Amino acid sequence: MGDKKPDFLKLCEDFTTERMRVFNGNNPDVPGVYYQSFACVMGHPFSDINLSTANEVIRRFEGENDGLVSVESARWGEDFTILRSNGFRGISHLDAIDFRRSPLTRKTGPGVSDICDVYTGIVRGLKEKGF
């Protein structure tokens, strides 16, 4: 929001497979550090109109995604969890960062209904592991 000359396309170049390969090579895991990761999945390209085009493109090339990050590219560390919502819509990247500040669905059933509960659970899990 404070960038005087925002360049979203340039920023997106840093998310390419090749740039991430370089980044990961320059930033290896540190022995003794616990790493875990999570991925979210949109249920349908129109689940989030802001990310619908990106979701469809990523889905065609890399499979399930949150409109910005594919499930496979999010996989890292000792524990990996795929987050899905209770409803048809799924969880977009904007939901994952709690951009909307609202529950993901009001339906009941297995899956995530509030992203804040997910983050609370992550902290609880880290505490249980002794961190």
C-alpha atoms as a PDB file:
ATOM      1  CA  MET A   1       0.000   0.000   0.000  1.00  0.00           C
ATOM      2  CA  GLY A   2       2.940   2.361   0.456  1.00  0.00           C
ATOM      3  CA  ASP A   3       4.787   1.402  -2.734  1.00  0.00           C
ATOM      4  CA  LYS A   4       5.016   4.503  -4.959  1.00  0.00           C
ATOM      5  CA  LYS A   5       5.680   2.427  -8.105  1.00  0.00           C
ATOM      6  CA  PRO A   6       3.972  -0.941  -7.614  1.00  0.00           C
ATOM      7  CA  ASP A   7       4.822  -3.581 -10.216  1.00  0.00           C
ATOM      8  CA  PHE A   8       2.689  -6.632  -9.557  1.00  0.00           C
ATOM      9  CA  LEU A   9       3.921  -8.545 -12.617  1.00  0.00           C
ATOM     10  CA  LYS A  10       7.549  -8.079 -11.548  1.00  0.00           C
ATOM     11  CA  LEU A  11       6.609  -9.341  -8.101  1.00  0.00           C
ATOM     12  CA  CYS A  12       4.957 -12.407  -9.626  1.00  0.00           C
ATOM     13  CA  GLU A  13       8.210 -13.294 -11.390  1.00  0.00           C
ATOM     14  CA  ASP A  14       9.657 -14.024  -7.960  1.00  0.00           C
ATOM     15  CA  PHE A  15       7.033 -16.753  -7.520  1.00  0.00           C
ATOM     16  CA  THR A  16       8.094 -18.722 -10.602  1.00  0.00           C
ATOM     17  CA  THR A  17       9.468 -22.228 -10.210  1.00  0.00           C
ATOM     18  CA  GLU A  18      12.936 -21.147 -11.315  1.00  0.00           C
ATOM     19  CA  ARG A  19      13.107 -18.187  -8.908  1.00  0.00           C
ATOM     20  CA  MET A  20      11.922 -20.398  -6.050  1.00  0.00           C
ATOM     21  CA  ARG A  21      14.560 -22.984  -6.950  1.00  0.00           C
ATOM     22  CA  VAL A  22      17.226 -20.251  -6.639  1.00  0.00           C
ATOM     23  CA  PHE A  23      15.694 -18.919  -3.417  1.00  0.00           C
ATOM     24  CA  ASN A  24      15.552 -22.394  -1.860  1.00  0.00           C
ATOM     25  CA  GLY A  25      19.147 -23.068  -2.909  1.00  0.00           C
ATOM     26  CA  ASN A  26      20.265 -19.859  -1.224  1.00  0.00           C
ATOM     27  CA  ASN A  27      18.149 -20.502   1.889  1.00  0.00           C
ATOM     28  CA  PRO A  28      18.500 -24.164   2.885  1.00  0.00           C
ATOM     29  CA  ASP A  29      16.677 -25.613   5.868  1.00  0.00           C
ATOM     30  CA  VAL A  30      18.507 -25.143   9.141  1.00  0.00           C
ATOM     31  CA  PRO A  31      19.198 -28.377  11.038  1.00  0.00           C
ATOM     32  CA  GLY A  32      17.240 -28.531  14.265  1.00  0.00           C
ATOM     33  CA  VAL A  33      14.520 -26.130  13.087  1.00  0.00           C
ATOM     34  CA  TYR A  34      10.982 -27.516  12.819  1.00  0.00           C
ATOM     35  CA  TYR A  35       9.317 -26.741   9.482  1.00  0.00           C
ATOM     36  CA  GLN A  36       5.667 -27.257   8.620  1.00  0.00           C
ATOM     37  CA  SER A  37       3.446 -25.993   5.828  1.00  0.00           C
ATOM     38  CA  PHE A  38      -0.164 -25.607   4.821  1.00  0.00           C
ATOM     39  CA  ALA A  39      -1.997 -25.247   1.538  1.00  0.00           C
ATOM     40  CA  CYS A  40      -5.520 -24.053   0.850  1.00  0.00           C
ATOM     41  CA  VAL A  41      -7.781 -25.196  -1.966  1.00  0.00           C
ATOM     42  CA  MET A  42     -10.428 -23.206  -3.821  1.00  0.00           C
ATOM     43  CA  GLY A  43     -13.416 -25.384  -4.628  1.00  0.00           C
ATOM     44  CA  HIS A  44     -14.056 -23.762  -8.001  1.00  0.00           C
ATOM     45  CA  PRO A  45     -12.399 -21.001 -10.089  1.00  0.00           C
ATOM     46  CA  PHE A  46     -15.315 -18.685  -9.315  1.00  0.00           C
ATOM     47  CA  SER A  47     -15.043 -19.317  -5.581  1.00  0.00           C
ATOM     48  CA  ASP A  48     -13.125 -16.049  -5.387  1.00  0.00           C
ATOM     49  CA  ILE A  49     -13.705 -13.692  -8.288  1.00  0.00           C
ATOM     50  CA  ASN A  50     -10.477 -11.822  -7.479  1.00  0.00           C
ATOM     51  CA  LEU A  51      -8.408 -14.963  -8.033  1.00  0.00           C
ATOM     52  CA  SER A  52     -10.575 -16.859 -10.533  1.00  0.00           C
ATOM     53  CA  THR A  53      -8.286 -16.429 -13.548  1.00  0.00           C
ATOM     54  CA  ALA A  54      -5.141 -17.294 -11.600  1.00  0.00           C
ATOM     55  CA  ASN A  55      -6.890 -20.287 -10.028  1.00  0.00           C
ATOM     56  CA  GLU A  56      -7.868 -21.660 -13.430  1.00  0.00           C
ATOM     57  CA  VAL A  57      -4.388 -21.185 -14.930  1.00  0.00           C
ATOM     58  CA  ILE A  58      -2.641 -22.763 -11.932  1.00  0.00           C
ATOM     59  CA  ARG A  59      -5.200 -25.600 -11.840  1.00  0.00           C
ATOM     60  CA  ARG A  60      -4.430 -26.482 -15.482  1.00  0.00           C
ATOM     61  CA  PHE A  61      -0.669 -26.597 -14.968  1.00  0.00           C
ATOM     62  CA  GLU A  62      -0.198 -27.615 -11.329  1.00  0.00           C
ATOM     63  CA  GLY A  63      -3.542 -28.834  -9.971  1.00  0.00           C
ATOM     64  CA  GLU A  64      -5.363 -27.743  -6.838  1.00  0.00           C
ATOM     65  CA  ASN A  65      -4.539 -24.274  -5.535  1.00  0.00           C
ATOM     66  CA  ASP A  66      -5.761 -21.277  -3.559  1.00  0.00           C
ATOM     67  CA  GLY A  67      -5.688 -18.876  -6.499  1.00  0.00           C
ATOM     68  CA  LEU A  68      -2.047 -17.999  -5.961  1.00  0.00           C
ATOM     69  CA  VAL A  69      -0.130 -21.033  -4.669  1.00  0.00           C
ATOM     70  CA  SER A  70      -0.520 -24.649  -5.801  1.00  0.00           C
ATOM     71  CA  VAL A  71      -0.824 -27.417  -3.237  1.00  0.00           C
ATOM     72  CA  GLU A  72       2.401 -29.043  -4.401  1.00  0.00           C
ATOM     73  CA  SER A  73       4.440 -25.851  -4.318  1.00  0.00           C
ATOM     74  CA  ALA A  74       3.282 -25.181  -0.746  1.00  0.00           C
ATOM     75  CA  ARG A  75       4.546 -28.575   0.472  1.00  0.00           C
ATOM     76  CA  TRP A  76       7.504 -28.080   2.840  1.00  0.00           C
ATOM     77  CA  GLY A  77       8.810 -29.463   6.069  1.00  0.00           C
ATOM     78  CA  GLU A  78       7.994 -32.319   8.388  1.00  0.00           C
ATOM     79  CA  ASP A  79       4.223 -31.798   8.481  1.00  0.00           C
ATOM     80  CA  PHE A  80       2.014 -30.706   5.591  1.00  0.00           C
ATOM     81  CA  THR A  81      -1.712 -30.006   5.816  1.00  0.00           C
ATOM     82  CA  ILE A  82      -4.211 -29.229   3.067  1.00  0.00           C
ATOM     83  CA  LEU A  83      -6.970 -26.929   4.306  1.00  0.00           C
ATOM     84  CA  ARG A  84     -10.425 -27.285   2.806  1.00  0.00           C
ATOM     85  CA  SER A  85     -13.607 -25.489   3.789  1.00  0.00           C
ATOM     86  CA  ASN A  86     -16.938 -26.957   4.813  1.00  0.00           C
ATOM     87  CA  GLY A  87     -18.643 -25.450   1.778  1.00  0.00           C
ATOM     88  CA  PHE A  88     -18.476 -25.547  -1.994  1.00  0.00           C
ATOM     89  CA  ARG A  89     -16.444 -22.351  -2.223  1.00  0.00           C
ATOM     90  CA  GLY A  90     -13.217 -23.650  -0.766  1.00  0.00           C
ATOM     91  CA  ILE A  91     -10.464 -21.466   0.674  1.00  0.00           C
ATOM     92  CA  SER A  92      -8.743 -18.885  -1.495  1.00  0.00           C
ATOM     93  CA  HIS A  93      -5.458 -17.169  -0.733  1.00  0.00           C
ATOM     94  CA  LEU A  94      -7.453 -14.084   0.294  1.00  0.00           C
ATOM     95  CA  ASP A  95      -9.362 -16.249   2.788  1.00  0.00           C
ATOM     96  CA  ALA A  96      -6.090 -17.689   4.096  1.00  0.00           C
ATOM     97  CA  ILE A  97      -4.802 -14.219   4.932  1.00  0.00           C
ATOM     98  CA  ASP A  98      -8.218 -13.360   6.448  1.00  0.00           C
ATOM     99  CA  PHE A  99      -8.723 -10.543   3.947  1.00  0.00           C
ATOM    100  CA  ARG A 100     -12.510 -10.721   4.278  1.00  0.00           C
ATOM    101  CA  ARG A 101     -12.618 -11.033   8.090  1.00  0.00           C
ATOM    102  CA  SER A 102     -15.575 -13.419   7.900  1.00  0.00           C
ATOM    103  CA  PRO A 103     -16.269 -17.123   8.395  1.00  0.00           C
ATOM    104  CA  LEU A 104     -15.611 -19.257   5.322  1.00  0.00           C
ATOM    105  CA  THR A 105     -19.009 -20.927   5.496  1.00  0.00           C
ATOM    106  CA  ARG A 106     -21.939 -21.308   7.809  1.00  0.00           C
ATOM    107  CA  LYS A 107     -22.546 -24.945   6.869  1.00  0.00           C
ATOM    108  CA  THR A 108     -21.548 -27.764   9.161  1.00  0.00           C
ATOM    109  CA  GLY A 109     -19.405 -30.736   8.314  1.00  0.00           C
ATOM    110  CA  PRO A 110     -15.729 -31.659   8.076  1.00  0.00           C
ATOM    111  CA  GLY A 111     -13.285 -28.966   7.086  1.00  0.00           C
ATOM    112  CA  VAL A 112     -12.351 -25.428   7.999  1.00  0.00           C
ATOM    113  CA  SER A 113     -15.070 -22.903   8.801  1.00  0.00           C
ATOM    114  CA  ASP A 114     -12.983 -20.027  10.213  1.00  0.00           C
ATOM    115  CA  ILE A 115      -9.361 -19.354   9.217  1.00  0.00           C
ATOM    116  CA  CYS A 116      -8.639 -17.746  12.589  1.00  0.00           C
ATOM    117  CA  ASP A 117      -9.364 -21.121  14.213  1.00  0.00           C
ATOM    118  CA  VAL A 118      -6.744 -22.655  11.921  1.00  0.00           C
ATOM    119  CA  TYR A 119      -4.072 -20.237  13.113  1.00  0.00           C
ATOM    120  CA  THR A 120      -5.057 -20.787  16.732  1.00  0.00           C
ATOM    121  CA  GLY A 121      -4.724 -24.529  16.120  1.00  0.00           C
ATOM    122  CA  ILE A 122      -1.266 -24.087  14.599  1.00  0.00           C
ATOM    123  CA  VAL A 123      -0.079 -22.234  17.689  1.00  0.00           C
ATOM    124  CA  ARG A 124      -1.689 -24.865  19.956  1.00  0.00           C
ATOM    125  CA  GLY A 125       0.086 -27.616  17.990  1.00  0.00           C
ATOM    126  CA  LEU A 126       3.440 -25.870  18.282  1.00  0.00           C
ATOM    127  CA  LYS A 127       2.934 -25.515  22.025  1.00  0.00           C
ATOM    128  CA  GLU A 128       2.111 -29.228  22.312  1.00  0.00           C
ATOM    129  CA  LYS A 129       5.368 -29.988  20.476  1.00  0.00           C
ATOM    130  CA  GLY A 130       7.254 -27.914  23.037  1.00  0.00           C
ATOM    131  CA  PHE A 131       7.880 -24.722  21.062  1.00  0.00           C
END
